[in-house]
C-alpha cells in the first residue's frame, strides 16, 4: 500500500434501496387491483361515534377492505380512513376476520346491526 493510498479518504457509499423483481411487482399490482375490483361485504354488528369519525364494527364476510376505499353506508358513499383487526391497526381486513372500519363523517349514517356494507 502506498503513502498516497493511506491519505486518500474513502468516499461514502450510496445506500441501495430495496430491489423488487419485476415479476413480484406485477403480482402485487394485480393483487391490489383485485382488492378494488371484487365486491366486498362487511356485516355490521355495531356503530359508534368516535371524535370526528364513525366506527363500524363487524365481520368481513366477502372480499377485502382497506383504508382509502369507498363504501355504501346508508345510501351515502363514504371513504374508509382506518382499519382495525382484533383491536389493532391494520392495513386491511380480509374475509372471515372481525374488526372495525373508521369513516370520517359529520353525522351517523342510517346503518343498523345486521346490515351489509
PDB file of N, CA and C in Angstrom:
ATOM      1  N   UNK A   1       0.842  -1.161   0.000  1.00  0.00           N
ATOM      2  CA  UNK A   1       0.000   0.000   0.000  1.00  0.00           C
ATOM      3  C   UNK A   1       0.895   1.233   0.000  1.00  0.00           C
ATOM      4  N   UNK A   2       0.613   2.174  -0.876  1.00  0.00           N
ATOM      5  CA  UNK A   2       1.461   3.362  -0.984  1.00  0.00           C
ATOM      6  C   UNK A   2       1.005   4.424   0.003  1.00  0.00           C
ATOM      7  N   UNK A   3       1.848   5.431   0.162  1.00  0.00           N
ATOM      8  CA  UNK A   3       1.570   6.540   1.066  1.00  0.00           C
ATOM      9  C   UNK A   3       0.341   7.332   0.614  1.00  0.00           C
ATOM     10  N   UNK A   4       0.165   7.507  -0.680  1.00  0.00           N
ATOM     11  CA  UNK A   4      -0.988   8.245  -1.199  1.00  0.00           C
ATOM     12  C   UNK A   4      -2.304   7.505  -0.945  1.00  0.00           C
ATOM     13  N   UNK A   5      -2.249   6.224  -0.987  1.00  0.00           N
ATOM     14  CA  UNK A   5      -3.462   5.453  -0.714  1.00  0.00           C
ATOM     15  C   UNK A   5      -3.870   5.586   0.742  1.00  0.00           C
ATOM     16  N   UNK A   6      -2.917   5.747   1.638  1.00  0.00           N
ATOM     17  CA  UNK A   6      -3.239   5.938   3.055  1.00  0.00           C
ATOM     18  C   UNK A   6      -3.879   7.298   3.312  1.00  0.00           C
ATOM     19  N   UNK A   7      -3.469   8.308   2.558  1.00  0.00           N
ATOM     20  CA  UNK A   7      -4.021   9.653   2.747  1.00  0.00           C
ATOM     21  C   UNK A   7      -5.390   9.836   2.082  1.00  0.00           C
ATOM     22  N   UNK A   8      -5.701   9.023   1.135  1.00  0.00           N
ATOM     23  CA  UNK A   8      -6.964   9.152   0.415  1.00  0.00           C
ATOM     24  C   UNK A   8      -8.132   8.801   1.342  1.00  0.00           C
ATOM     25  N   UNK A   9      -9.140   9.653   1.350  1.00  0.00           N
ATOM     26  CA  UNK A   9     -10.329   9.406   2.160  1.00  0.00           C
ATOM     27  C   UNK A   9     -11.303   8.543   1.354  1.00  0.00           C
ATOM     28  N   UNK A  10     -11.922   7.646   2.041  1.00  0.00           N
ATOM     29  CA  UNK A  10     -12.899   6.807   1.370  1.00  0.00           C
ATOM     30  C   UNK A  10     -14.184   7.586   1.149  1.00  0.00           C
ATOM     31  N   UNK A  11     -14.722   7.430  -0.011  1.00  0.00           N
ATOM     32  CA  UNK A  11     -15.986   8.094  -0.321  1.00  0.00           C
ATOM     33  C   UNK A  11     -17.119   7.330   0.352  1.00  0.00           C
ATOM     34  N   UNK A  12     -18.099   8.061   0.880  1.00  0.00           N
ATOM     35  CA  UNK A  12     -19.228   7.345   1.485  1.00  0.00           C
ATOM     36  C   UNK A  12     -20.008   6.592   0.413  1.00  0.00           C
ATOM     37  N   UNK A  13     -20.383   5.410   0.738  1.00  0.00           N
ATOM     38  CA  UNK A  13     -21.096   4.574  -0.224  1.00  0.00           C
ATOM     39  C   UNK A  13     -22.582   4.929  -0.226  1.00  0.00           C
ATOM     40  N   UNK A  14     -23.152   4.874  -1.397  1.00  0.00           N
ATOM     41  CA  UNK A  14     -24.574   5.145  -1.519  1.00  0.00           C
ATOM     42  C   UNK A  14     -25.342   3.951  -0.985  1.00  0.00           C
ATOM     43  N   UNK A  15     -26.425   4.271  -0.272  1.00  0.00           N
ATOM     44  CA  UNK A  15     -27.280   3.203   0.217  1.00  0.00           C
ATOM     45  C   UNK A  15     -28.184   2.749  -0.912  1.00  0.00           C
ATOM     46  N   UNK A  16     -28.263   1.464  -1.057  1.00  0.00           N
ATOM     47  CA  UNK A  16     -29.131   0.902  -2.080  1.00  0.00           C
ATOM     48  C   UNK A  16     -30.513   0.682  -1.500  1.00  0.00           C
ATOM     49  N   UNK A  17     -31.527   0.980  -2.268  1.00  0.00           N
ATOM     50  CA  UNK A  17     -32.892   0.742  -1.831  1.00  0.00           C
ATOM     51  C   UNK A  17     -33.240  -0.733  -1.940  1.00  0.00           C
ATOM     52  N   UNK A  18     -34.473  -1.015  -1.665  1.00  0.00           N
ATOM     53  CA  UNK A  18     -34.947  -2.383  -1.759  1.00  0.00           C
ATOM     54  C   UNK A  18     -35.169  -2.718  -3.226  1.00  0.00           C
ATOM     55  N   UNK A  19     -34.611  -3.810  -3.656  1.00  0.00           N
ATOM     56  CA  UNK A  19     -34.734  -4.253  -5.042  1.00  0.00           C
ATOM     57  C   UNK A  19     -35.898  -5.241  -5.136  1.00  0.00           C
ATOM     58  N   UNK A  20     -36.931  -4.871  -5.899  1.00  0.00           N
ATOM     59  CA  UNK A  20     -38.088  -5.738  -6.088  1.00  0.00           C
ATOM     60  C   UNK A  20     -38.082  -6.234  -7.527  1.00  0.00           C
ATOM     61  N   UNK A  21     -38.045  -7.544  -7.720  1.00  0.00           N
ATOM     62  CA  UNK A  21     -38.057  -8.079  -9.079  1.00  0.00           C
ATOM     63  C   UNK A  21     -39.359  -7.716  -9.801  1.00  0.00           C
ATOM     64  N   UNK A  22     -39.267  -7.639 -11.134  1.00  0.00           N
ATOM     65  CA  UNK A  22     -40.428  -7.248 -11.930  1.00  0.00           C
ATOM     66  C   UNK A  22     -41.608  -8.184 -11.743  1.00  0.00           C
ATOM     67  N   UNK A  23     -41.358  -9.494 -11.670  1.00  0.00           N
ATOM     68  CA  UNK A  23     -42.473 -10.429 -11.534  1.00  0.00           C
ATOM     69  C   UNK A  23     -43.202 -10.238 -10.205  1.00  0.00           C
ATOM     70  N   UNK A  24     -42.486  -9.916  -9.141  1.00  0.00           N
ATOM     71  CA  UNK A  24     -43.120  -9.686  -7.842  1.00  0.00           C
ATOM     72  C   UNK A  24     -43.902  -8.374  -7.847  1.00  0.00           C
ATOM     73  N   UNK A  25     -43.376  -7.358  -8.515  1.00  0.00           N
ATOM     74  CA  UNK A  25     -44.058  -6.075  -8.603  1.00  0.00           C
ATOM     75  C   UNK A  25     -45.374  -6.224  -9.367  1.00  0.00           C
ATOM     76  N   UNK A  26     -45.352  -7.008 -10.448  1.00  0.00           N
ATOM     77  CA  UNK A  26     -46.564  -7.230 -11.244  1.00  0.00           C
ATOM     78  C   UNK A  26     -47.612  -7.993 -10.441  1.00  0.00           C
ATOM     79  N   UNK A  27     -47.190  -8.991  -9.668  1.00  0.00           N
ATOM     80  CA  UNK A  27     -48.124  -9.762  -8.848  1.00  0.00           C
ATOM     81  C   UNK A  27     -48.761  -8.877  -7.783  1.00  0.00           C
ATOM     82  N   UNK A  28     -47.979  -7.976  -7.203  1.00  0.00           N
ATOM     83  CA  UNK A  28     -48.517  -7.094  -6.170  1.00  0.00           C
ATOM     84  C   UNK A  28     -49.552  -6.138  -6.751  1.00  0.00           C
ATOM     85  N   UNK A  29     -49.281  -5.572  -7.931  1.00  0.00           N
ATOM     86  CA  UNK A  29     -50.258  -4.662  -8.532  1.00  0.00           C
ATOM     87  C   UNK A  29     -51.522  -5.414  -8.927  1.00  0.00           C
ATOM     88  N   UNK A  30     -51.403  -6.661  -9.401  1.00  0.00           N
ATOM     89  CA  UNK A  30     -52.585  -7.461  -9.712  1.00  0.00           C
ATOM     90  C   UNK A  30     -53.409  -7.712  -8.458  1.00  0.00           C
ATOM     91  N   UNK A  31     -52.749  -8.001  -7.347  1.00  0.00           N
ATOM     92  CA  UNK A  31     -53.457  -8.261  -6.094  1.00  0.00           C
ATOM     93  C   UNK A  31     -54.171  -7.002  -5.603  1.00  0.00           C
ATOM     94  N   UNK A  32     -53.523  -5.837  -5.726  1.00  0.00           N
ATOM     95  CA  UNK A  32     -54.156  -4.594  -5.304  1.00  0.00           C
ATOM     96  C   UNK A  32     -55.356  -4.254  -6.186  1.00  0.00           C
ATOM     97  N   UNK A  33     -55.250  -4.511  -7.490  1.00  0.00           N
ATOM     98  CA  UNK A  33     -56.374  -4.276  -8.388  1.00  0.00           C
ATOM     99  C   UNK A  33     -57.528  -5.219  -8.075  1.00  0.00           C
ATOM    100  N   UNK A  34     -57.227  -6.448  -7.678  1.00  0.00           N
ATOM    101  CA  UNK A  34     -58.265  -7.412  -7.339  1.00  0.00           C
ATOM    102  C   UNK A  34     -59.019  -6.977  -6.086  1.00  0.00           C
ATOM    103  N   UNK A  35     -58.315  -6.372  -5.135  1.00  0.00           N
ATOM    104  CA  UNK A  35     -58.964  -5.891  -3.921  1.00  0.00           C
ATOM    105  C   UNK A  35     -59.979  -4.818  -4.268  1.00  0.00           C
ATOM    106  N   UNK A  36     -59.627  -3.936  -5.181  1.00  0.00           N
ATOM    107  CA  UNK A  36     -60.514  -2.836  -5.540  1.00  0.00           C
ATOM    108  C   UNK A  36     -61.691  -3.335  -6.382  1.00  0.00           C
ATOM    109  N   UNK A  37     -61.465  -4.308  -7.270  1.00  0.00           N
ATOM    110  CA  UNK A  37     -62.490  -4.718  -8.217  1.00  0.00           C
ATOM    111  C   UNK A  37     -63.466  -5.760  -7.670  1.00  0.00           C
ATOM    112  N   UNK A  38     -63.101  -6.542  -6.659  1.00  0.00           N
ATOM    113  CA  UNK A  38     -64.006  -7.568  -6.164  1.00  0.00           C
ATOM    114  C   UNK A  38     -65.070  -6.957  -5.268  1.00  0.00           C
ATOM    115  N   UNK A  39     -66.288  -7.503  -5.317  1.00  0.00           N
ATOM    116  CA  UNK A  39     -67.332  -6.994  -4.433  1.00  0.00           C
ATOM    117  C   UNK A  39     -67.014  -7.362  -2.984  1.00  0.00           C
ATOM    118  N   UNK A  40     -67.224  -6.427  -2.102  1.00  0.00           N
ATOM    119  CA  UNK A  40     -66.921  -6.634  -0.693  1.00  0.00           C
ATOM    120  C   UNK A  40     -68.213  -6.673   0.108  1.00  0.00           C
ATOM    121  N   UNK A  41     -68.178  -7.354   1.235  1.00  0.00           N
ATOM    122  CA  UNK A  41     -69.317  -7.407   2.136  1.00  0.00           C
ATOM    123  C   UNK A  41     -68.856  -7.347   3.570  1.00  0.00           C
ATOM    124  N   UNK A  42     -69.323  -6.341   4.302  1.00  0.00           N
ATOM    125  CA  UNK A  42     -68.964  -6.163   5.712  1.00  0.00           C
ATOM    126  C   UNK A  42     -70.258  -6.220   6.513  1.00  0.00           C
ATOM    127  N   UNK A  43     -70.420  -7.229   7.380  1.00  0.00           N
ATOM    128  CA  UNK A  43     -71.610  -7.406   8.194  1.00  0.00           C
ATOM    129  C   UNK A  43     -71.468  -6.589   9.471  1.00  0.00           C
ATOM    130  N   UNK A  44     -72.341  -5.608   9.655  1.00  0.00           N
ATOM    131  CA  UNK A  44     -72.253  -4.667  10.773  1.00  0.00           C
ATOM    132  C   UNK A  44     -72.803  -5.301  12.044  1.00  0.00           C
ATOM    133  N   UNK A  45     -72.041  -5.190  13.140  1.00  0.00           N
ATOM    134  CA  UNK A  45     -72.524  -5.628  14.448  1.00  0.00           C
ATOM    135  C   UNK A  45     -72.657  -4.458  15.416  1.00  0.00           C
ATOM    136  N   UNK A  46     -72.051  -3.310  15.101  1.00  0.00           N
ATOM    137  CA  UNK A  46     -72.164  -2.134  15.965  1.00  0.00           C
ATOM    138  C   UNK A  46     -71.698  -0.883  15.244  1.00  0.00           C
ATOM    139  N   UNK A  47     -72.230   0.256  15.671  1.00  0.00           N
ATOM    140  CA  UNK A  47     -71.916   1.538  15.052  1.00  0.00           C
ATOM    141  C   UNK A  47     -71.739   2.558  16.172  1.00  0.00           C
ATOM    142  N   UNK A  48     -70.588   3.214  16.230  1.00  0.00           N
ATOM    143  CA  UNK A  48     -70.276   4.133  17.313  1.00  0.00           C
ATOM    144  C   UNK A  48     -69.652   5.411  16.775  1.00  0.00           C
ATOM    145  N   UNK A  49     -69.942   6.541  17.426  1.00  0.00           N
ATOM    146  CA  UNK A  49     -69.310   7.812  17.091  1.00  0.00           C
ATOM    147  C   UNK A  49     -68.050   7.951  17.937  1.00  0.00           C
ATOM    148  N   UNK A  50     -66.905   8.184  17.284  1.00  0.00           N
ATOM    149  CA  UNK A  50     -65.626   8.347  17.970  1.00  0.00           C
ATOM    150  C   UNK A  50     -65.001   9.638  17.466  1.00  0.00           C
ATOM    151  N   UNK A  51     -64.992  10.681  18.296  1.00  0.00           N
ATOM    152  CA  UNK A  51     -64.481  12.003  17.941  1.00  0.00           C
ATOM    153  C   UNK A  51     -65.127  12.484  16.645  1.00  0.00           C
ATOM    154  N   UNK A  52     -64.367  12.679  15.596  1.00  0.00           N
ATOM    155  CA  UNK A  52     -64.929  13.168  14.340  1.00  0.00           C
ATOM    156  C   UNK A  52     -65.150  12.035  13.335  1.00  0.00           C
ATOM    157  N   UNK A  53     -65.044  10.785  13.792  1.00  0.00           N
ATOM    158  CA  UNK A  53     -65.209   9.628  12.916  1.00  0.00           C
ATOM    159  C   UNK A  53     -66.326   8.726  13.409  1.00  0.00           C
ATOM    160  N   UNK A  54     -66.686   7.795  12.568  1.00  0.00           N
ATOM    161  CA  UNK A  54     -67.665   6.772  12.929  1.00  0.00           C
ATOM    162  C   UNK A  54     -66.964   5.429  12.850  1.00  0.00           C
ATOM    163  N   UNK A  55     -67.106   4.628  13.912  1.00  0.00           N
ATOM    164  CA  UNK A  55     -66.507   3.305  13.947  1.00  0.00           C
ATOM    165  C   UNK A  55     -67.606   2.280  13.674  1.00  0.00           C
ATOM    166  N   UNK A  56     -67.421   1.495  12.625  1.00  0.00           N
ATOM    167  CA  UNK A  56     -68.366   0.448  12.269  1.00  0.00           C
ATOM    168  C   UNK A  56     -67.706  -0.885  12.579  1.00  0.00           C
ATOM    169  N   UNK A  57     -68.238  -1.595  13.577  1.00  0.00           N
ATOM    170  CA  UNK A  57     -67.680  -2.889  13.954  1.00  0.00           C
ATOM    171  C   UNK A  57     -68.424  -3.996  13.242  1.00  0.00           C
ATOM    172  N   UNK A  58     -67.716  -5.094  12.971  1.00  0.00           N
ATOM    173  CA  UNK A  58     -68.369  -6.227  12.342  1.00  0.00           C
ATOM    174  C   UNK A  58     -67.393  -7.236  11.810  1.00  0.00           C
ATOM    175  N   UNK A  59     -67.877  -8.022  10.841  1.00  0.00           N
ATOM    176  CA  UNK A  59     -67.082  -9.093  10.255  1.00  0.00           C
ATOM    177  C   UNK A  59     -67.091  -8.956   8.735  1.00  0.00           C
ATOM    178  N   UNK A  60     -65.935  -9.166   8.154  1.00  0.00           N
ATOM    179  CA  UNK A  60     -65.805  -9.144   6.696  1.00  0.00           C
ATOM    180  C   UNK A  60     -66.263 -10.499   6.180  1.00  0.00           C
ATOM    181  N   UNK A  61     -67.405 -10.538   5.486  1.00  0.00           N
ATOM    182  CA  UNK A  61     -67.958 -11.811   5.022  1.00  0.00           C
ATOM    183  C   UNK A  61     -67.585 -12.122   3.582  1.00  0.00           C
ATOM    184  N   UNK A  62     -67.164 -11.104   2.827  1.00  0.00           N
ATOM    185  CA  UNK A  62     -66.777 -11.332   1.434  1.00  0.00           C
ATOM    186  C   UNK A  62     -65.777 -10.268   1.010  1.00  0.00           C
ATOM    187  N   UNK A  63     -64.712 -10.664   0.340  1.00  0.00           N
ATOM    188  CA  UNK A  63     -63.740  -9.723  -0.203  1.00  0.00           C
ATOM    189  C   UNK A  63     -62.760  -9.210   0.837  1.00  0.00           C
ATOM    190  N   UNK A  64     -62.214  -8.043   0.562  1.00  0.00           N
ATOM    191  CA  UNK A  64     -61.198  -7.415   1.392  1.00  0.00           C
ATOM    192  C   UNK A  64     -61.450  -5.913   1.418  1.00  0.00           C
ATOM    193  N   UNK A  65     -61.182  -5.278   2.543  1.00  0.00           N
ATOM    194  CA  UNK A  65     -61.321  -3.828   2.651  1.00  0.00           C
ATOM    195  C   UNK A  65     -60.031  -3.251   3.199  1.00  0.00           C
ATOM    196  N   UNK A  66     -59.692  -2.058   2.734  1.00  0.00           N
ATOM    197  CA  UNK A  66     -58.511  -1.375   3.242  1.00  0.00           C
ATOM    198  C   UNK A  66     -58.800   0.117   3.291  1.00  0.00           C
ATOM    199  N   UNK A  67     -57.941   0.854   3.946  1.00  0.00           N
ATOM    200  CA  UNK A  67     -58.118   2.303   4.064  1.00  0.00           C
ATOM    201  C   UNK A  67     -58.055   2.933   2.680  1.00  0.00           C
ATOM    202  N   UNK A  68     -58.957   3.858   2.425  1.00  0.00           N
ATOM    203  CA  UNK A  68     -58.981   4.562   1.156  1.00  0.00           C
ATOM    204  C   UNK A  68     -60.094   4.129   0.226  1.00  0.00           C
ATOM    205  N   UNK A  69     -60.718   2.970   0.489  1.00  0.00           N
ATOM    206  CA  UNK A  69     -61.802   2.542  -0.404  1.00  0.00           C
ATOM    207  C   UNK A  69     -63.099   3.235  -0.007  1.00  0.00           C
ATOM    208  N   UNK A  70     -64.021   3.335  -0.954  1.00  0.00           N
ATOM    209  CA  UNK A  70     -65.327   3.920  -0.685  1.00  0.00           C
ATOM    210  C   UNK A  70     -66.326   2.795  -0.447  1.00  0.00           C
ATOM    211  N   UNK A  71     -67.218   3.014   0.540  1.00  0.00           N
ATOM    212  CA  UNK A  71     -68.258   2.036   0.819  1.00  0.00           C
ATOM    213  C   UNK A  71     -69.611   2.730   0.781  1.00  0.00           C
ATOM    214  N   UNK A  72     -70.651   1.944   0.506  1.00  0.00           N
ATOM    215  CA  UNK A  72     -72.012   2.461   0.529  1.00  0.00           C
ATOM    216  C   UNK A  72     -72.520   2.302   1.946  1.00  0.00           C
ATOM    217  N   UNK A  73     -72.662   3.408   2.636  1.00  0.00           N
ATOM    218  CA  UNK A  73     -73.030   3.397   4.050  1.00  0.00           C
ATOM    219  C   UNK A  73     -74.342   4.155   4.224  1.00  0.00           C
ATOM    220  N   UNK A  74     -75.443   3.428   4.251  1.00  0.00           N
ATOM    221  CA  UNK A  74     -76.747   4.064   4.431  1.00  0.00           C
ATOM    222  C   UNK A  74     -77.136   4.953   3.265  1.00  0.00           C
ATOM    223  N   UNK A  75     -76.796   4.563   2.058  1.00  0.00           N
ATOM    224  CA  UNK A  75     -77.134   5.353   0.877  1.00  0.00           C
ATOM    225  C   UNK A  75     -76.110   6.419   0.532  1.00  0.00           C
ATOM    226  N   UNK A  76     -75.102   6.605   1.358  1.00  0.00           N
ATOM    227  CA  UNK A  76     -74.046   7.586   1.090  1.00  0.00           C
ATOM    228  C   UNK A  76     -72.752   6.852   0.750  1.00  0.00           C
ATOM    229  N   UNK A  77     -71.965   7.420  -0.152  1.00  0.00           N
ATOM    230  CA  UNK A  77     -70.651   6.885  -0.473  1.00  0.00           C
ATOM    231  C   UNK A  77     -69.641   7.559   0.449  1.00  0.00           C
ATOM    232  N   UNK A  78     -69.083   6.802   1.399  1.00  0.00           N
ATOM    233  CA  UNK A  78     -68.131   7.339   2.365  1.00  0.00           C
ATOM    234  C   UNK A  78     -66.806   6.602   2.242  1.00  0.00           C
ATOM    235  N   UNK A  79     -65.725   7.297   2.580  1.00  0.00           N
ATOM    236  CA  UNK A  79     -64.380   6.742   2.455  1.00  0.00           C
ATOM    237  C   UNK A  79     -63.897   6.205   3.802  1.00  0.00           C
ATOM    238  N   UNK A  80     -63.329   5.012   3.780  1.00  0.00           N
ATOM    239  CA  UNK A  80     -62.750   4.394   4.976  1.00  0.00           C
ATOM    240  C   UNK A  80     -61.403   5.059   5.247  1.00  0.00           C
ATOM    241  N   UNK A  81     -61.208   5.559   6.482  1.00  0.00           N
ATOM    242  CA  UNK A  81     -59.950   6.220   6.825  1.00  0.00           C
ATOM    243  C   UNK A  81     -58.971   5.280   7.526  1.00  0.00           C
ATOM    244  N   UNK A  82     -59.477   4.391   8.391  1.00  0.00           N
ATOM    245  CA  UNK A  82     -58.619   3.461   9.126  1.00  0.00           C
ATOM    246  C   UNK A  82     -59.291   2.105   9.215  1.00  0.00           C
ATOM    247  N   UNK A  83     -58.455   1.060   9.366  1.00  0.00           N
ATOM    248  CA  UNK A  83     -58.948  -0.306   9.521  1.00  0.00           C
ATOM    249  C   UNK A  83     -58.293  -0.905  10.757  1.00  0.00           C
ATOM    250  N   UNK A  84     -59.108  -1.531  11.609  1.00  0.00           N
ATOM    251  CA  UNK A  84     -58.599  -2.218  12.787  1.00  0.00           C
ATOM    252  C   UNK A  84     -59.031  -3.679  12.718  1.00  0.00           C
ATOM    253  N   UNK A  85     -58.107  -4.593  13.022  1.00  0.00           N
ATOM    254  CA  UNK A  85     -58.401  -6.022  13.089  1.00  0.00           C
ATOM    255  C   UNK A  85     -57.983  -6.498  14.470  1.00  0.00           C
ATOM    256  N   UNK A  86     -58.903  -7.110  15.201  1.00  0.00           N
ATOM    257  CA  UNK A  86     -58.634  -7.593  16.565  1.00  0.00           C
ATOM    258  C   UNK A  86     -58.075  -6.486  17.455  1.00  0.00           C
ATOM    259  N   UNK A  87     -58.688  -5.305  17.400  1.00  0.00           N
ATOM    260  CA  UNK A  87     -58.317  -4.135  18.218  1.00  0.00           C
ATOM    261  C   UNK A  87     -56.900  -3.631  17.966  1.00  0.00           C
ATOM    262  N   UNK A  88     -56.370  -3.912  16.783  1.00  0.00           N
ATOM    263  CA  UNK A  88     -55.040  -3.418  16.403  1.00  0.00           C
ATOM    264  C   UNK A  88     -55.132  -2.777  15.022  1.00  0.00           C
ATOM    265  N   UNK A  89     -54.399  -1.682  14.802  1.00  0.00           N
ATOM    266  CA  UNK A  89     -54.405  -1.070  13.465  1.00  0.00           C
ATOM    267  C   UNK A  89     -53.850  -2.048  12.435  1.00  0.00           C
ATOM    268  N   UNK A  90     -54.444  -2.025  11.260  1.00  0.00           N
ATOM    269  CA  UNK A  90     -54.034  -2.927  10.189  1.00  0.00           C
ATOM    270  C   UNK A  90     -54.138  -2.197   8.865  1.00  0.00           C
ATOM    271  N   UNK A  91     -53.482  -2.722   7.851  1.00  0.00           N
ATOM    272  CA  UNK A  91     -53.571  -2.106   6.537  1.00  0.00           C
ATOM    273  C   UNK A  91     -54.782  -2.610   5.766  1.00  0.00           C
ATOM    274  N   UNK A  92     -55.332  -3.783   6.162  1.00  0.00           N
ATOM    275  CA  UNK A  92     -56.527  -4.294   5.504  1.00  0.00           C
ATOM    276  C   UNK A  92     -57.212  -5.347   6.359  1.00  0.00           C
ATOM    277  N   UNK A  93     -58.453  -5.643   6.014  1.00  0.00           N
ATOM    278  CA  UNK A  93     -59.223  -6.682   6.694  1.00  0.00           C
ATOM    279  C   UNK A  93     -59.695  -7.656   5.621  1.00  0.00           C
ATOM    280  N   UNK A  94     -59.469  -8.938   5.854  1.00  0.00           N
ATOM    281  CA  UNK A  94     -59.787  -9.974   4.876  1.00  0.00           C
ATOM    282  C   UNK A  94     -61.046 -10.731   5.272  1.00  0.00           C
ATOM    283  N   UNK A  95     -61.515 -11.555   4.342  1.00  0.00           N
ATOM    284  CA  UNK A  95     -62.715 -12.358   4.549  1.00  0.00           C
ATOM    285  C   UNK A  95     -62.552 -13.235   5.795  1.00  0.00           C
ATOM    286  N   UNK A  96     -63.578 -13.228   6.649  1.00  0.00           N
ATOM    287  CA  UNK A  96     -63.574 -14.049   7.857  1.00  0.00           C
ATOM    288  C   UNK A  96     -63.013 -13.361   9.088  1.00  0.00           C
ATOM    289  N   UNK A  97     -62.409 -12.201   8.948  1.00  0.00           N
ATOM    290  CA  UNK A  97     -61.831 -11.501  10.098  1.00  0.00           C
ATOM    291  C   UNK A  97     -62.851 -10.538  10.693  1.00  0.00           C
ATOM    292  N   UNK A  98     -62.778 -10.386  12.013  1.00  0.00           N
ATOM    293  CA  UNK A  98     -63.613  -9.411  12.715  1.00  0.00           C
ATOM    294  C   UNK A  98     -62.775  -8.177  12.983  1.00  0.00           C
ATOM    295  N   UNK A  99     -63.388  -7.016  12.843  1.00  0.00           N
ATOM    296  CA  UNK A  99     -62.650  -5.781  13.062  1.00  0.00           C
ATOM    297  C   UNK A  99     -63.555  -4.570  12.989  1.00  0.00           C
ATOM    298  N   UNK A 100     -62.945  -3.433  12.710  1.00  0.00           N
ATOM    299  CA  UNK A 100     -63.673  -2.168  12.661  1.00  0.00           C
ATOM    300  C   UNK A 100     -63.161  -1.321  11.509  1.00  0.00           C
ATOM    301  N   UNK A 101     -64.090  -0.594  10.900  1.00  0.00           N
ATOM    302  CA  UNK A 101     -63.760   0.372   9.863  1.00  0.00           C
ATOM    303  C   UNK A 101     -64.064   1.752  10.405  1.00  0.00           C
ATOM    304  N   UNK A 102     -63.129   2.672  10.265  1.00  0.00           N
ATOM    305  CA  UNK A 102     -63.342   4.050  10.687  1.00  0.00           C
ATOM    306  C   UNK A 102     -63.656   4.903   9.468  1.00  0.00           C
ATOM    307  N   UNK A 103     -64.723   5.688   9.582  1.00  0.00           N
ATOM    308  CA  UNK A 103     -65.209   6.510   8.478  1.00  0.00           C
ATOM    309  C   UNK A 103     -65.319   7.942   8.982  1.00  0.00           C
ATOM    310  N   UNK A 104     -64.801   8.882   8.210  1.00  0.00           N
ATOM    311  CA  UNK A 104     -64.911  10.292   8.578  1.00  0.00           C
ATOM    312  C   UNK A 104     -66.239  10.828   8.037  1.00  0.00           C
ATOM    313  N   UNK A 105     -67.138  11.213   8.935  1.00  0.00           N
ATOM    314  CA  UNK A 105     -68.441  11.744   8.535  1.00  0.00           C
ATOM    315  C   UNK A 105     -68.956  12.676   9.624  1.00  0.00           C
ATOM    316  N   UNK A 106     -69.797  13.644   9.221  1.00  0.00           N
ATOM    317  CA  UNK A 106     -70.336  14.608  10.176  1.00  0.00           C
ATOM    318  C   UNK A 106     -71.486  14.027  10.996  1.00  0.00           C
ATOM    319  N   UNK A 107     -72.302  13.169  10.388  1.00  0.00           N
ATOM    320  CA  UNK A 107     -73.456  12.603  11.091  1.00  0.00           C
ATOM    321  C   UNK A 107     -73.473  11.091  10.911  1.00  0.00           C
ATOM    322  N   UNK A 108     -74.184  10.411  11.811  1.00  0.00           N
ATOM    323  CA  UNK A 108     -74.285   8.963  11.744  1.00  0.00           C
ATOM    324  C   UNK A 108     -75.129   8.559  10.542  1.00  0.00           C
ATOM    325  N   UNK A 109     -74.639   7.659   9.703  1.00  0.00           N
ATOM    326  CA  UNK A 109     -75.443   7.182   8.576  1.00  0.00           C
ATOM    327  C   UNK A 109     -76.538   6.240   9.057  1.00  0.00           C
ATOM    328  N   UNK A 110     -77.505   5.980   8.222  1.00  0.00           N
ATOM    329  CA  UNK A 110     -78.616   5.100   8.562  1.00  0.00           C
ATOM    330  C   UNK A 110     -78.200   3.653   8.379  1.00  0.00           C
ATOM    331  N   UNK A 111     -77.477   3.150   9.355  1.00  0.00           N
ATOM    332  CA  UNK A 111     -76.969   1.780   9.329  1.00  0.00           C
ATOM    333  C   UNK A 111     -77.289   1.149  10.667  1.00  0.00           C
ATOM    334  N   UNK A 112     -77.741  -0.112  10.652  1.00  0.00           N
ATOM    335  CA  UNK A 112     -78.067  -0.837  11.877  1.00  0.00           C
ATOM    336  C   UNK A 112     -77.241  -2.116  11.941  1.00  0.00           C
ATOM    337  N   UNK A 113     -77.232  -2.724  13.111  1.00  0.00           N
ATOM    338  CA  UNK A 113     -76.587  -4.020  13.274  1.00  0.00           C
ATOM    339  C   UNK A 113     -77.319  -5.020  12.383  1.00  0.00           C
ATOM    340  N   UNK A 114     -76.562  -5.815  11.654  1.00  0.00           N
ATOM    341  CA  UNK A 114     -77.132  -6.797  10.739  1.00  0.00           C
ATOM    342  C   UNK A 114     -77.112  -6.345   9.294  1.00  0.00           C
ATOM    343  N   UNK A 115     -76.844  -5.056   9.035  1.00  0.00           N
ATOM    344  CA  UNK A 115     -76.757  -4.554   7.664  1.00  0.00           C
ATOM    345  C   UNK A 115     -75.461  -5.011   7.021  1.00  0.00           C
ATOM    346  N   UNK A 116     -75.481  -5.106   5.702  1.00  0.00           N
ATOM    347  CA  UNK A 116     -74.303  -5.495   4.937  1.00  0.00           C
ATOM    348  C   UNK A 116     -73.817  -4.301   4.132  1.00  0.00           C
ATOM    349  N   UNK A 117     -72.567  -3.877   4.374  1.00  0.00           N
ATOM    350  CA  UNK A 117     -71.990  -2.743   3.640  1.00  0.00           C
ATOM    351  C   UNK A 117     -71.135  -3.259   2.521  1.00  0.00           C
TER     352      UNK A 117
END
